[in-house]
């Protein structure tokens, strides 16, 4: 027997209702009601939660810059946990709204519009065009590292359709600002294992083992030469900020194997050769050239959709 969720119009409790039943008795308050009455109660509950979220959505963007600073491999887990506590009310509102919605696709679109409109208002409040452009990049990172992972954390991913709707609408609203949802564990695991994100994705895409020569060489280079530079830690942190999204985008491309082969031959293999020749600075320049190219393609440009 199939079931669907329904809401008692008297007590408001949600229960499992057998598909095909016309009337049912509430297991919580004993009230007998029709399925049509339950649907009306659900619609009322959804509209109430939507209105509540419309009133509070702007609060999500009050501490963007401060929150993004917590996306650091030694702080991210605690920062994300604090963020979930801070946004618990909004997350609960979104959960209740989506649970009450009979048309989840429509509801996801409406809730996503509220979330994106609030972000647009926050960005509009910035001053000059250059200030807004900088704020846009920070906002994109905030969405990718905190807002979207928080949505995906609710009820084991039951708000994934809402997260997807936000990404689609975000790309339509903010030019050259495509974002992609990734859950907290994916991002945090990358920090914990200290992965070379892009090189790892390329090597795995070419069916190389996780302990392949290329990865070992570049990890040693990062933790040795690069980390010893005056601005080395800043470069590494900047890389960790953008690489997860880039990798996620590349993995969605239909021609990803061709892409991985091209990156390996044009950038990664030459970097290995430079390291072997002791040309560490030239390696840094070559690798940064690759990261910059990928950033322009997958985080700022029209190619960020990753569906080609």
Foldseek 3Di string as FASTA:
>chain_A
DDWAWFADLPPGDIDTDDPPDQWDADPPPRDIDGRVSRLVSLVVQLVVLLVVCLVCLLVLPPCLVVLLVQLDLVRQVVSQVVLCVVCVVNLVSLVSNCSSDPPNLVSLLSSLVSNLVSVVVVLVPDDDPVRSVVVLVSVLLSCARHVLQSLCVPPNGPSVSSSVSNQVVNCVPDPQAHFDHDHNCVLNVCSVVVFPQVLQLLCVLVVHDPPDPLRVLVVCLLVPVQCPDPCSVVVSRVCSSPRVRLSVLLVQAPCSSVVSVVCCVQASVVLSVCVVVVNSVVNVVRVVVVVVVSCSQQGGHPNVNSHD
